Amino acid sequence: MIIRPKGSKNRAARLAHIALHFIHTLSLLSQAFVVRPSLFLLSPNVLTIPMHEHQISRRSKNREKESEASEQSKSVHFLILPGFFNDSQDYTMPGSLLPCLSSRSTKHPRQLSRDRIHVLPIQRKDWLTVFLCGILDINFWKSDMSPQSPSFAWYLERIYKEVNRIVTEQVGIGINEENVKVVLLGHSAGGWLARAALGFGTVPKGKEFSPARTHENKIALKHIAGLVSLGTPHKPPPATVMDMTRGALRITDELFPGAFHSPDGLFYVTIVGNAVEGKEQTKSTPFQPRTLSEVAFISYEAVCGKGTTVGDGVVPINSAHLHDAIQLVLPNVFHSINAPEDWYGSEKIIDQWLGAVIEQLENQNGTR
């Protein structure tokens, strides 16, 4: 379907509560997760000269070659952005997102090619930076931490570095810099972190920028084709609910709401599954295992404040879309790679959303 504590004792107690809440929530999430011319008219006052068949044929072939060369000169890349506590390898293993995208290159050769699909280099341990830097940042504890803070800045910087690497390498093999375009494909937290990267780190179109100067921590907006999110929590939780991003998502959404860069020519596609309805579980014993619906209930409650809603098992539908974006809700699709056959990047599911992305690229490039 489209569509802040007083006193040292209180402070210590609150810090301990927050830390335990993080550990508890992380443990739960880890469980889920053409018209042919016949005449050549020079002007109204000049003789109209009929073209011979071989002339027409030659001109038609030349036009086909020019069109082919123009398409080949365009270099469209997909950059997969891993979700929270995911590793790059989660997206490159057999049957996962990268190989499934690559297998569609024969069907969409202008937009997809194995050597033009990349994964942001992330190791699972890198995510500990969020907490190790956060404990030293007062804004972390106040849930008022910017995505540019050390807790998240490392991720944004890697996006800038990778996009600039792609552009520089393509220019080095003869591709016109203006023709190098990158689609940011964010899974889970990777989607809202992409919004932060675009908002805080892009150079507007028309401004001079050298992709080789990566120390600037910037990317040129002209090199971004669009943003596609898979099961991303785009909206912050209500003020009564602890913000697991410690304010970073709220600040991103306030500063760069909706499809913020669409006036600059970027497209936005937000995708979410509806596989699980959250339900609170009544346990007969403390050792009774949680059901999938109970895990979803806890996750939805942390994300949007309401556990009894529907989503992909981790992110509810009502948090996963951006205003003015192409919005897709996929039936029976799960958030996590732990459901290898039924998550966003699986062989069975990928075509349910890829067509919409290809269509946006074709519209953008004027090939439809």
Foldseek 3Di string as FASTA:
>chain_A
DWDAADDPVRVVVLVVVVVVVLVVLVVLQVVFADDQDQWDDPDPPDDIDGDDPVVSVVVVVVVVVVVVVVLVLFQEAEEEEEAQLDAQVLQVPPQFFLVLQQVCCVVVVSHHHSVRYYYQGDDSVLLCLLVVQLVVDNLLSVLADACCGRNNVVSLLSVLLVLLVQLVVSVVVPRDSLRAAYEYEYAEQRQLSVLSSCQPAEDEPPDDDRSVPSVSSHYHPSRYQAYEYFQYQQDAAPPVADTPSSNHSVVSCVRQAFRRCVVSNHAYEWEWEFQEFADDDDDPDPPDDDDLNPSQLVQCCNGYNGSGATTQSRHGPVRTHGPPHTYYYHYNAHRRCVVSCRHCRGNVHVVVCVVVVSVSVCVSVVPD
